[in-house]
């Protein structure tokens, strides 16, 4: 590596690793369990800890951490895994409300907040399954 090359540090490393994602997911789910739109989408309320763990592992892996999610669950297949649940504009927006609130309380670093939201906003839209084929609309409602 030459002196002029920058080393890219993953989001996972910049936020301090898995503890950040555990905290983010804890705050996110604190909102979800109280949400009358989203909580009914979780059919097995007794598996909240499992859902939190899977989401934490997925986020850690996505942002440059260990490949534990892939080792345990295989390819994320996010759209396929969310197909059994109605995800329309209301569900997308409620999900984003709770994720944005979780981001807000989890970090004060504005660049990290923006980078996370830059992923979560289109990802939430991508998971919509209420528009027929193609599965997601080309413009948000």
N, C-alpha and C. Protein backbone atom coordinates (compact mmCIF):
# COMPACT_ATOMS: atom_id res chain seq x y z
N UNK A 1 0.84 -1.17 0.00
CA UNK A 1 0.00 0.00 0.00
C UNK A 1 0.89 1.24 0.00
N UNK A 2 0.54 2.20 -0.85
CA UNK A 2 1.34 3.43 -0.90
C UNK A 2 0.85 4.41 0.15
N UNK A 3 1.66 5.43 0.39
CA UNK A 3 1.31 6.44 1.40
C UNK A 3 0.04 7.19 1.04
N UNK A 4 -0.32 7.27 -0.23
CA UNK A 4 -1.49 8.03 -0.65
C UNK A 4 -2.80 7.28 -0.55
N UNK A 5 -2.76 5.98 -0.32
CA UNK A 5 -3.98 5.19 -0.27
C UNK A 5 -4.60 5.24 1.12
N UNK A 6 -5.91 5.42 1.14
CA UNK A 6 -6.63 5.44 2.41
C UNK A 6 -7.10 4.03 2.75
N UNK A 7 -7.10 3.72 4.00
CA UNK A 7 -7.61 2.44 4.46
C UNK A 7 -9.09 2.64 4.78
N UNK A 8 -9.94 1.84 4.15
CA UNK A 8 -11.37 1.95 4.41
C UNK A 8 -11.71 1.11 5.65
N UNK A 9 -12.29 1.77 6.61
CA UNK A 9 -12.69 1.10 7.84
C UNK A 9 -14.18 0.83 7.76
N UNK A 10 -14.57 -0.40 8.02
CA UNK A 10 -15.98 -0.78 7.90
C UNK A 10 -16.82 -0.06 8.95
N UNK A 11 -18.10 0.04 8.66
CA UNK A 11 -19.05 0.59 9.63
C UNK A 11 -18.96 -0.23 10.91
N UNK A 12 -18.85 -1.53 10.79
CA UNK A 12 -18.77 -2.41 11.95
C UNK A 12 -17.64 -1.96 12.88
N UNK A 13 -16.48 -1.69 12.31
CA UNK A 13 -15.34 -1.24 13.11
C UNK A 13 -15.55 0.18 13.63
N UNK A 14 -16.10 1.06 12.79
CA UNK A 14 -16.28 2.46 13.20
C UNK A 14 -17.22 2.60 14.39
N UNK A 15 -18.21 1.72 14.50
CA UNK A 15 -19.18 1.84 15.60
C UNK A 15 -18.80 1.01 16.81
N UNK A 16 -17.70 0.27 16.73
CA UNK A 16 -17.25 -0.50 17.88
C UNK A 16 -17.69 -1.94 17.91
N UNK A 17 -18.16 -2.46 16.78
CA UNK A 17 -18.48 -3.87 16.70
C UNK A 17 -19.90 -4.23 17.12
N UNK A 18 -20.07 -5.49 17.46
CA UNK A 18 -21.39 -6.04 17.72
C UNK A 18 -22.16 -5.34 18.84
N UNK A 19 -21.53 -4.84 19.90
CA UNK A 19 -22.31 -4.15 20.94
C UNK A 19 -23.16 -3.00 20.39
N UNK A 20 -22.66 -2.28 19.40
CA UNK A 20 -23.44 -1.20 18.79
C UNK A 20 -24.72 -1.76 18.18
N UNK A 21 -24.60 -2.84 17.41
CA UNK A 21 -25.77 -3.39 16.72
C UNK A 21 -26.74 -4.03 17.72
N UNK A 22 -26.22 -4.61 18.78
CA UNK A 22 -27.10 -5.14 19.83
C UNK A 22 -27.93 -4.02 20.45
N UNK A 23 -27.30 -2.90 20.73
CA UNK A 23 -28.00 -1.75 21.31
C UNK A 23 -29.01 -1.17 20.32
N UNK A 24 -28.60 -1.02 19.06
CA UNK A 24 -29.49 -0.52 18.02
C UNK A 24 -30.74 -1.39 17.92
N UNK A 25 -30.55 -2.68 17.86
CA UNK A 25 -31.68 -3.61 17.72
C UNK A 25 -32.54 -3.61 18.98
N UNK A 26 -31.95 -3.52 20.15
CA UNK A 26 -32.75 -3.42 21.39
C UNK A 26 -33.65 -2.20 21.36
N UNK A 27 -33.11 -1.06 20.98
CA UNK A 27 -33.92 0.17 20.90
C UNK A 27 -34.99 0.05 19.82
N UNK A 28 -34.63 -0.53 18.68
CA UNK A 28 -35.59 -0.72 17.60
C UNK A 28 -36.77 -1.56 18.07
N UNK A 29 -36.48 -2.70 18.67
CA UNK A 29 -37.55 -3.59 19.10
C UNK A 29 -38.36 -3.04 20.26
N UNK A 30 -37.80 -2.15 21.06
CA UNK A 30 -38.58 -1.50 22.11
C UNK A 30 -39.74 -0.73 21.48
N UNK A 31 -39.50 -0.15 20.31
CA UNK A 31 -40.57 0.53 19.59
C UNK A 31 -41.52 -0.43 18.92
N UNK A 32 -40.99 -1.48 18.33
CA UNK A 32 -41.82 -2.44 17.59
C UNK A 32 -42.83 -3.12 18.51
N UNK A 33 -42.41 -3.55 19.68
CA UNK A 33 -43.33 -4.30 20.55
C UNK A 33 -44.50 -3.44 21.03
N UNK A 34 -44.35 -2.13 20.99
CA UNK A 34 -45.43 -1.23 21.40
C UNK A 34 -46.22 -0.70 20.20
N UNK A 35 -45.88 -1.14 19.00
CA UNK A 35 -46.49 -0.61 17.78
C UNK A 35 -47.66 -1.49 17.35
N UNK A 36 -48.84 -0.91 17.27
CA UNK A 36 -50.04 -1.69 16.93
C UNK A 36 -50.07 -2.15 15.48
N UNK A 37 -49.26 -1.55 14.63
CA UNK A 37 -49.18 -1.98 13.23
C UNK A 37 -48.15 -3.10 13.07
N UNK A 38 -46.98 -2.93 13.67
CA UNK A 38 -45.88 -3.88 13.45
C UNK A 38 -45.92 -5.12 14.33
N UNK A 39 -46.25 -4.96 15.59
CA UNK A 39 -46.16 -6.09 16.51
C UNK A 39 -47.01 -7.28 16.06
N UNK A 40 -48.20 -7.07 15.49
CA UNK A 40 -48.96 -8.22 15.00
C UNK A 40 -48.27 -8.99 13.87
N UNK A 41 -47.29 -8.38 13.22
CA UNK A 41 -46.57 -9.08 12.15
C UNK A 41 -45.59 -10.11 12.68
N UNK A 42 -45.35 -10.09 13.99
CA UNK A 42 -44.45 -11.05 14.61
C UNK A 42 -45.31 -12.16 15.22
N UNK A 43 -45.54 -13.22 14.46
CA UNK A 43 -46.49 -14.25 14.91
C UNK A 43 -46.06 -14.99 16.17
N UNK A 44 -44.77 -15.12 16.37
CA UNK A 44 -44.29 -15.85 17.54
C UNK A 44 -43.68 -14.85 18.52
N UNK A 45 -44.54 -14.18 19.27
CA UNK A 45 -44.08 -13.17 20.22
C UNK A 45 -43.11 -13.75 21.23
N UNK A 46 -43.18 -15.06 21.44
CA UNK A 46 -42.28 -15.68 22.41
C UNK A 46 -40.84 -15.75 21.90
N UNK A 47 -40.64 -15.51 20.59
CA UNK A 47 -39.30 -15.60 20.02
C UNK A 47 -38.69 -14.21 19.79
N UNK A 48 -39.05 -13.25 20.61
CA UNK A 48 -38.50 -11.91 20.45
C UNK A 48 -36.98 -11.92 20.56
N UNK A 49 -36.44 -12.67 21.51
CA UNK A 49 -34.98 -12.72 21.66
C UNK A 49 -34.34 -13.34 20.42
N UNK A 50 -34.98 -14.35 19.84
CA UNK A 50 -34.46 -14.94 18.61
C UNK A 50 -34.48 -13.96 17.45
N UNK A 51 -35.59 -13.22 17.33
CA UNK A 51 -35.69 -12.22 16.26
C UNK A 51 -34.62 -11.14 16.44
N UNK A 52 -34.43 -10.70 17.66
CA UNK A 52 -33.41 -9.68 17.93
C UNK A 52 -32.02 -10.20 17.59
N UNK A 53 -31.74 -11.43 17.97
CA UNK A 53 -30.42 -12.00 17.70
C UNK A 53 -30.18 -12.10 16.20
N UNK A 54 -31.18 -12.60 15.45
CA UNK A 54 -31.02 -12.75 14.01
C UNK A 54 -30.80 -11.39 13.34
N UNK A 55 -31.57 -10.38 13.75
CA UNK A 55 -31.43 -9.06 13.16
C UNK A 55 -30.06 -8.46 13.50
N UNK A 56 -29.63 -8.64 14.73
CA UNK A 56 -28.31 -8.15 15.15
C UNK A 56 -27.21 -8.81 14.33
N UNK A 57 -27.26 -10.12 14.19
CA UNK A 57 -26.25 -10.83 13.41
C UNK A 57 -26.25 -10.38 11.95
N UNK A 58 -27.45 -10.20 11.40
CA UNK A 58 -27.55 -9.75 10.02
C UNK A 58 -26.89 -8.38 9.85
N UNK A 59 -27.24 -7.44 10.73
CA UNK A 59 -26.69 -6.09 10.62
C UNK A 59 -25.18 -6.08 10.82
N UNK A 60 -24.71 -6.82 11.80
CA UNK A 60 -23.27 -6.90 12.02
C UNK A 60 -22.55 -7.41 10.78
N UNK A 61 -23.08 -8.47 10.19
CA UNK A 61 -22.49 -9.04 8.99
C UNK A 61 -22.57 -8.06 7.82
N UNK A 62 -23.72 -7.46 7.62
CA UNK A 62 -23.90 -6.53 6.50
C UNK A 62 -22.89 -5.39 6.57
N UNK A 63 -22.65 -4.90 7.76
CA UNK A 63 -21.78 -3.73 7.92
C UNK A 63 -20.32 -4.10 8.13
N UNK A 64 -19.93 -5.34 7.85
CA UNK A 64 -18.52 -5.70 7.84
C UNK A 64 -18.03 -6.56 8.98
N UNK A 65 -18.94 -7.07 9.80
CA UNK A 65 -18.57 -7.91 10.93
C UNK A 65 -18.51 -9.38 10.57
N UNK A 66 -18.51 -10.22 11.58
CA UNK A 66 -18.40 -11.67 11.35
C UNK A 66 -19.57 -12.21 10.52
N UNK A 67 -19.30 -13.31 9.86
CA UNK A 67 -20.28 -13.94 8.97
C UNK A 67 -21.20 -14.93 9.70
N UNK A 68 -21.45 -14.68 10.95
CA UNK A 68 -22.24 -15.60 11.77
C UNK A 68 -23.64 -15.80 11.22
N UNK A 69 -24.28 -14.73 10.76
CA UNK A 69 -25.63 -14.86 10.21
C UNK A 69 -25.62 -15.86 9.05
N UNK A 70 -24.70 -15.68 8.12
CA UNK A 70 -24.61 -16.55 6.96
C UNK A 70 -24.33 -17.99 7.37
N UNK A 71 -23.45 -18.16 8.35
CA UNK A 71 -23.11 -19.52 8.82
C UNK A 71 -24.31 -20.20 9.45
N UNK A 72 -25.13 -19.46 10.18
CA UNK A 72 -26.27 -20.04 10.88
C UNK A 72 -27.54 -20.13 10.04
N UNK A 73 -27.76 -19.14 9.17
CA UNK A 73 -29.04 -19.05 8.48
C UNK A 73 -28.93 -19.12 6.96
N UNK A 74 -27.72 -19.06 6.43
CA UNK A 74 -27.57 -19.02 4.98
C UNK A 74 -27.77 -17.61 4.46
N UNK A 75 -27.94 -17.51 3.15
CA UNK A 75 -28.12 -16.20 2.53
C UNK A 75 -29.32 -15.50 3.16
N UNK A 76 -29.22 -14.20 3.40
CA UNK A 76 -30.31 -13.49 4.08
C UNK A 76 -31.66 -13.58 3.37
N UNK A 77 -31.70 -13.55 2.05
CA UNK A 77 -32.96 -13.64 1.31
C UNK A 77 -34.05 -12.79 1.96
N UNK A 78 -33.76 -11.52 2.18
CA UNK A 78 -34.66 -10.66 2.95
C UNK A 78 -36.07 -10.60 2.38
N UNK A 79 -36.20 -10.45 1.08
CA UNK A 79 -37.55 -10.37 0.50
C UNK A 79 -38.31 -11.67 0.73
N UNK A 80 -37.66 -12.78 0.49
CA UNK A 80 -38.31 -14.07 0.67
C UNK A 80 -38.71 -14.29 2.12
N UNK A 81 -37.85 -13.96 3.05
CA UNK A 81 -38.14 -14.16 4.47
C UNK A 81 -39.29 -13.26 4.95
N UNK A 82 -39.52 -12.13 4.29
CA UNK A 82 -40.58 -11.22 4.70
C UNK A 82 -41.89 -11.42 3.92
N UNK A 83 -41.89 -12.28 2.91
CA UNK A 83 -43.07 -12.50 2.08
C UNK A 83 -44.32 -12.94 2.87
N UNK A 84 -44.19 -13.74 3.91
CA UNK A 84 -45.42 -14.16 4.61
C UNK A 84 -46.15 -13.02 5.32
N UNK A 85 -45.53 -11.86 5.41
CA UNK A 85 -46.10 -10.75 6.18
C UNK A 85 -46.43 -9.60 5.24
N UNK A 86 -47.59 -9.00 5.42
CA UNK A 86 -47.97 -7.86 4.60
C UNK A 86 -47.06 -6.68 4.94
N UNK A 87 -46.34 -6.21 3.92
CA UNK A 87 -45.47 -5.05 4.09
C UNK A 87 -45.86 -4.04 3.02
N UNK A 88 -46.63 -3.05 3.45
CA UNK A 88 -47.04 -1.96 2.57
C UNK A 88 -46.44 -0.66 3.04
N UNK A 89 -46.92 0.46 2.53
CA UNK A 89 -46.35 1.75 2.92
C UNK A 89 -46.49 2.04 4.41
N UNK A 90 -47.60 1.66 5.01
CA UNK A 90 -47.78 1.91 6.45
C UNK A 90 -46.77 1.12 7.27
N UNK A 91 -46.60 -0.16 6.97
CA UNK A 91 -45.64 -1.00 7.69
C UNK A 91 -44.21 -0.50 7.46
N UNK A 92 -43.90 -0.16 6.22
CA UNK A 92 -42.57 0.39 5.90
C UNK A 92 -42.30 1.64 6.73
N UNK A 93 -43.28 2.55 6.74
CA UNK A 93 -43.09 3.81 7.45
C UNK A 93 -42.98 3.62 8.96
N UNK A 94 -43.79 2.73 9.53
CA UNK A 94 -43.71 2.47 10.97
C UNK A 94 -42.35 1.86 11.31
N UNK A 95 -41.88 0.93 10.49
CA UNK A 95 -40.57 0.31 10.68
C UNK A 95 -39.48 1.38 10.68
N UNK A 96 -39.56 2.29 9.71
CA UNK A 96 -38.55 3.35 9.62
C UNK A 96 -38.62 4.31 10.79
N UNK A 97 -39.81 4.58 11.31
CA UNK A 97 -39.93 5.44 12.49
C UNK A 97 -39.14 4.84 13.65
N UNK A 98 -39.31 3.55 13.88
CA UNK A 98 -38.63 2.90 15.00
C UNK A 98 -37.13 2.76 14.75
N UNK A 99 -36.75 2.51 13.50
CA UNK A 99 -35.32 2.40 13.21
C UNK A 99 -34.65 3.76 13.34
N UNK A 100 -35.28 4.82 12.83
CA UNK A 100 -34.71 6.15 12.95
C UNK A 100 -34.57 6.56 14.42
N UNK A 101 -35.57 6.23 15.23
CA UNK A 101 -35.50 6.54 16.66
C UNK A 101 -34.37 5.75 17.33
N UNK A 102 -34.20 4.50 16.93
CA UNK A 102 -33.13 3.67 17.49
C UNK A 102 -31.76 4.23 17.11
N UNK A 103 -31.63 4.65 15.88
CA UNK A 103 -30.37 5.25 15.42
C UNK A 103 -30.09 6.52 16.22
N UNK A 104 -31.11 7.32 16.41
CA UNK A 104 -30.98 8.60 17.12
C UNK A 104 -30.44 8.40 18.53
N UNK A 105 -30.92 7.38 19.24
CA UNK A 105 -30.47 7.19 20.62
C UNK A 105 -29.20 6.35 20.73
N UNK A 106 -28.83 5.69 19.64
CA UNK A 106 -27.68 4.79 19.69
C UNK A 106 -26.37 5.49 19.33
N UNK A 107 -26.44 6.52 18.50
CA UNK A 107 -25.21 7.22 18.12
C UNK A 107 -25.45 8.71 17.98
N UNK A 108 -24.44 9.48 18.31
CA UNK A 108 -24.49 10.93 18.11
C UNK A 108 -23.72 11.35 16.87
N UNK A 109 -23.04 10.40 16.22
CA UNK A 109 -22.24 10.68 15.04
C UNK A 109 -23.16 10.84 13.83
N UNK A 110 -23.26 12.06 13.33
CA UNK A 110 -24.19 12.35 12.24
C UNK A 110 -23.84 11.59 10.97
N UNK A 111 -22.57 11.39 10.67
CA UNK A 111 -22.21 10.66 9.45
C UNK A 111 -22.64 9.19 9.55
N UNK A 112 -22.54 8.61 10.73
CA UNK A 112 -22.99 7.23 10.92
C UNK A 112 -24.51 7.17 10.81
N UNK A 113 -25.19 8.12 11.42
CA UNK A 113 -26.66 8.16 11.31
C UNK A 113 -27.08 8.20 9.84
N UNK A 114 -26.46 9.08 9.08
CA UNK A 114 -26.83 9.24 7.68
C UNK A 114 -26.51 7.98 6.86
N UNK A 115 -25.39 7.36 7.14
CA UNK A 115 -25.02 6.14 6.41
C UNK A 115 -26.00 5.01 6.71
N UNK A 116 -26.39 4.88 7.97
CA UNK A 116 -27.36 3.85 8.33
C UNK A 116 -28.70 4.11 7.64
N UNK A 117 -29.18 5.33 7.72
CA UNK A 117 -30.46 5.65 7.08
C UNK A 117 -30.41 5.50 5.57
N UNK A 118 -29.26 5.80 4.97
CA UNK A 118 -29.11 5.65 3.53
C UNK A 118 -29.27 4.19 3.12
N UNK A 119 -29.00 3.27 4.03
CA UNK A 119 -29.25 1.85 3.78
C UNK A 119 -30.69 1.47 4.13
N UNK A 120 -31.15 1.87 5.31
CA UNK A 120 -32.44 1.40 5.80
C UNK A 120 -33.63 1.91 5.01
N UNK A 121 -33.59 3.14 4.52
CA UNK A 121 -34.74 3.68 3.80
C UNK A 121 -35.02 2.88 2.53
N UNK A 122 -34.05 2.70 1.63
CA UNK A 122 -34.35 1.88 0.44
C UNK A 122 -34.56 0.41 0.77
N UNK A 123 -33.91 -0.10 1.81
CA UNK A 123 -34.13 -1.50 2.19
C UNK A 123 -35.56 -1.72 2.63
N UNK A 124 -36.10 -0.79 3.40
CA UNK A 124 -37.50 -0.91 3.85
C UNK A 124 -38.45 -0.86 2.65
N UNK A 125 -38.18 -0.01 1.71
CA UNK A 125 -39.01 0.05 0.50
C UNK A 125 -38.89 -1.24 -0.30
N UNK A 126 -37.70 -1.77 -0.38
CA UNK A 126 -37.43 -3.00 -1.12
C UNK A 126 -38.26 -4.17 -0.57
N UNK A 127 -38.55 -4.16 0.71
CA UNK A 127 -39.27 -5.28 1.33
C UNK A 127 -40.79 -5.18 1.16
N UNK A 128 -41.27 -4.08 0.59
CA UNK A 128 -42.71 -3.99 0.35
C UNK A 128 -43.14 -5.14 -0.55
N UNK A 129 -44.31 -5.68 -0.24
CA UNK A 129 -44.82 -6.80 -1.04
C UNK A 129 -46.31 -6.61 -1.33
N UNK A 130 -46.77 -5.38 -1.35
CA UNK A 130 -48.18 -5.09 -1.53
C UNK A 130 -48.53 -4.59 -2.92
N UNK A 131 -47.58 -4.54 -3.82
CA UNK A 131 -47.81 -3.89 -5.10
C UNK A 131 -47.95 -4.86 -6.26
N UNK A 132 -48.05 -6.14 -5.99
CA UNK A 132 -48.11 -7.11 -7.08
C UNK A 132 -46.75 -7.25 -7.73
N UNK A 133 -46.73 -7.62 -9.00
CA UNK A 133 -45.46 -7.77 -9.72
C UNK A 133 -45.24 -6.54 -10.57
N UNK A 134 -44.08 -5.93 -10.58
CA UNK A 134 -42.95 -6.28 -9.74
C UNK A 134 -43.26 -6.06 -8.28
N UNK A 135 -42.50 -6.75 -7.44
CA UNK A 135 -42.81 -6.81 -6.02
C UNK A 135 -42.78 -5.46 -5.34
N UNK A 136 -41.89 -4.59 -5.72
CA UNK A 136 -41.81 -3.29 -5.07
C UNK A 136 -42.08 -2.19 -6.09
N UNK A 137 -42.70 -1.13 -5.62
CA UNK A 137 -42.98 0.00 -6.50
C UNK A 137 -41.69 0.72 -6.82
N UNK A 138 -41.70 1.46 -7.90
CA UNK A 138 -40.51 2.21 -8.28
C UNK A 138 -40.41 3.54 -7.56
N UNK A 139 -41.50 3.99 -6.97
CA UNK A 139 -41.44 5.22 -6.19
C UNK A 139 -42.22 5.03 -4.90
N UNK A 140 -41.69 5.57 -3.82
CA UNK A 140 -42.34 5.41 -2.51
C UNK A 140 -43.67 6.17 -2.47
N UNK A 141 -44.59 5.64 -1.68
CA UNK A 141 -45.87 6.33 -1.45
C UNK A 141 -45.72 7.34 -0.36
